[in-house]
Amino acid sequence: MNNRILKALPAKEYRILYTQLKEVMLLKGAILHEGGERIGQEYFPNDEMISYLSRTALSGSAEGESVDVCVVGNEEEEGCVQ
């Protein structure tokens, strides 16, 4: 485990959370969440980076360009359980 948030937890809290954690392998370009969807999972990157992308709006049915909004690494988490 290389995620700094998880490493910083006190041992008791980490043991409680650990039972809910599972390691997943994500493919490059995998979409974790779509805009407007309810977020149901948190991601705590170890050695990976997760990009937040936003699409620019174009008129009609044409799809806009992707813009990298921010990048999340092993010092953060991605997602927010509501």
C-alpha atoms as a PDB file:
ATOM      1  CA  MET A   1       0.000   0.000   0.000  1.00  0.00           C
ATOM      2  CA  ASN A   2       1.472   3.314  -1.095  1.00  0.00           C
ATOM      3  CA  ASN A   3      -1.504   5.642  -0.666  1.00  0.00           C
ATOM      4  CA  ARG A   4      -0.526   8.391   1.758  1.00  0.00           C
ATOM      5  CA  ILE A   5      -4.044   8.923   3.114  1.00  0.00           C
ATOM      6  CA  LEU A   6      -4.378   5.265   4.067  1.00  0.00           C
ATOM      7  CA  LYS A   7      -0.843   5.201   5.503  1.00  0.00           C
ATOM      8  CA  ALA A   8      -1.626   8.225   7.684  1.00  0.00           C
ATOM      9  CA  LEU A   9      -4.647   6.628   9.357  1.00  0.00           C
ATOM     10  CA  PRO A  10      -4.296   5.487  12.964  1.00  0.00           C
ATOM     11  CA  ALA A  11      -3.976   1.692  13.174  1.00  0.00           C
ATOM     12  CA  LYS A  12      -7.450   1.190  14.691  1.00  0.00           C
ATOM     13  CA  GLU A  13      -9.206   3.181  11.938  1.00  0.00           C
ATOM     14  CA  TYR A  14      -7.149   1.491   9.219  1.00  0.00           C
ATOM     15  CA  ARG A  15      -8.103  -1.985  10.504  1.00  0.00           C
ATOM     16  CA  ILE A  16     -11.792  -1.028  10.318  1.00  0.00           C
ATOM     17  CA  LEU A  17     -11.446   0.384   6.804  1.00  0.00           C
ATOM     18  CA  TYR A  18      -9.179  -2.441   5.594  1.00  0.00           C
ATOM     19  CA  THR A  19     -12.047  -4.949   5.630  1.00  0.00           C
ATOM     20  CA  GLN A  20     -13.810  -2.829   2.994  1.00  0.00           C
ATOM     21  CA  LEU A  21     -10.796  -2.306   0.699  1.00  0.00           C
ATOM     22  CA  LYS A  22     -10.048  -4.347  -2.385  1.00  0.00           C
ATOM     23  CA  GLU A  23      -7.283  -3.894  -4.895  1.00  0.00           C
ATOM     24  CA  VAL A  24      -8.390  -3.343  -8.479  1.00  0.00           C
ATOM     25  CA  MET A  25      -6.417  -3.084 -11.685  1.00  0.00           C
ATOM     26  CA  LEU A  26      -7.650  -0.324 -13.964  1.00  0.00           C
ATOM     27  CA  LEU A  27      -6.958  -0.156 -17.665  1.00  0.00           C
ATOM     28  CA  LYS A  28      -5.590   3.042 -19.154  1.00  0.00           C
ATOM     29  CA  GLY A  29      -8.548   5.153 -20.250  1.00  0.00           C
ATOM     30  CA  ALA A  30     -11.022   3.419 -17.920  1.00  0.00           C
ATOM     31  CA  ILE A  31     -13.951   5.645 -16.953  1.00  0.00           C
ATOM     32  CA  LEU A  32     -14.526   5.546 -13.203  1.00  0.00           C
ATOM     33  CA  HIS A  33     -17.482   7.932 -13.071  1.00  0.00           C
ATOM     34  CA  GLU A  34     -19.594   9.824 -15.569  1.00  0.00           C
ATOM     35  CA  GLY A  35     -20.720  13.373 -14.882  1.00  0.00           C
ATOM     36  CA  GLY A  36     -24.039  13.501 -13.058  1.00  0.00           C
ATOM     37  CA  GLU A  37     -23.839   9.899 -11.805  1.00  0.00           C
ATOM     38  CA  ARG A  38     -24.032   9.036  -8.125  1.00  0.00           C
ATOM     39  CA  ILE A  39     -20.568   7.985  -6.960  1.00  0.00           C
ATOM     40  CA  GLY A  40     -20.581   4.608  -5.243  1.00  0.00           C
ATOM     41  CA  GLN A  41     -16.875   3.791  -4.918  1.00  0.00           C
ATOM     42  CA  GLU A  42     -13.780   5.514  -3.596  1.00  0.00           C
ATOM     43  CA  TYR A  43     -10.390   4.983  -5.204  1.00  0.00           C
ATOM     44  CA  PHE A  44      -7.123   5.324  -3.282  1.00  0.00           C
ATOM     45  CA  PRO A  45      -4.356   5.234  -5.907  1.00  0.00           C
ATOM     46  CA  ASN A  46      -1.106   3.489  -4.957  1.00  0.00           C
ATOM     47  CA  ASP A  47       1.318   4.202  -7.774  1.00  0.00           C
ATOM     48  CA  GLU A  48      -1.187   5.338 -10.386  1.00  0.00           C
ATOM     49  CA  MET A  49      -2.570   8.688 -11.396  1.00  0.00           C
ATOM     50  CA  ILE A  50      -6.236   9.404 -12.055  1.00  0.00           C
ATOM     51  CA  SER A  51      -7.245  12.294 -14.311  1.00  0.00           C
ATOM     52  CA  TYR A  52     -10.418  14.307 -13.993  1.00  0.00           C
ATOM     53  CA  LEU A  53     -11.585  15.170 -17.494  1.00  0.00           C
ATOM     54  CA  SER A  54     -14.185  17.639 -18.604  1.00  0.00           C
ATOM     55  CA  ARG A  55     -15.688  17.902 -22.064  1.00  0.00           C
ATOM     56  CA  THR A  56     -16.090  21.232 -23.757  1.00  0.00           C
ATOM     57  CA  ALA A  57     -19.589  21.956 -24.986  1.00  0.00           C
ATOM     58  CA  LEU A  58     -20.323  22.236 -28.680  1.00  0.00           C
ATOM     59  CA  SER A  59     -23.633  23.079 -30.277  1.00  0.00           C
ATOM     60  CA  GLY A  60     -25.748  20.365 -31.837  1.00  0.00           C
ATOM     61  CA  SER A  61     -24.860  16.708 -31.378  1.00  0.00           C
ATOM     62  CA  ALA A  62     -21.113  17.118 -31.908  1.00  0.00           C
ATOM     63  CA  GLU A  63     -18.956  15.991 -29.013  1.00  0.00           C
ATOM     64  CA  GLY A  64     -16.526  18.499 -27.513  1.00  0.00           C
ATOM     65  CA  GLU A  65     -12.851  18.126 -26.710  1.00  0.00           C
ATOM     66  CA  SER A  66     -11.562  16.618 -23.448  1.00  0.00           C
ATOM     67  CA  VAL A  67      -9.769  18.929 -21.036  1.00  0.00           C
ATOM     68  CA  ASP A  68      -7.644  17.571 -18.166  1.00  0.00           C
ATOM     69  CA  VAL A  69      -9.002  19.355 -15.065  1.00  0.00           C
ATOM     70  CA  CYS A  70      -6.756  17.808 -12.400  1.00  0.00           C
ATOM     71  CA  VAL A  71      -4.728  14.701 -11.571  1.00  0.00           C
ATOM     72  CA  VAL A  72      -5.012  12.584  -8.408  1.00  0.00           C
ATOM     73  CA  GLY A  73      -2.026  10.574  -7.151  1.00  0.00           C
ATOM     74  CA  ASN A  74      -1.127   8.478  -4.123  1.00  0.00           C
ATOM     75  CA  GLU A  75      -1.451  11.432  -1.764  1.00  0.00           C
ATOM     76  CA  GLU A  76      -5.195  11.669  -2.397  1.00  0.00           C
ATOM     77  CA  GLU A  77      -8.386   9.740  -3.041  1.00  0.00           C
ATOM     78  CA  GLU A  78     -10.848   9.873  -5.891  1.00  0.00           C
ATOM     79  CA  GLY A  79     -14.616   9.881  -5.499  1.00  0.00           C
ATOM     80  CA  CYS A  80     -16.943  11.006  -2.799  1.00  0.00           C
ATOM     81  CA  VAL A  81     -19.539   8.749  -1.202  1.00  0.00           C
ATOM     82  CA  GLN A  82     -22.790  10.647  -0.756  1.00  0.00           C
END
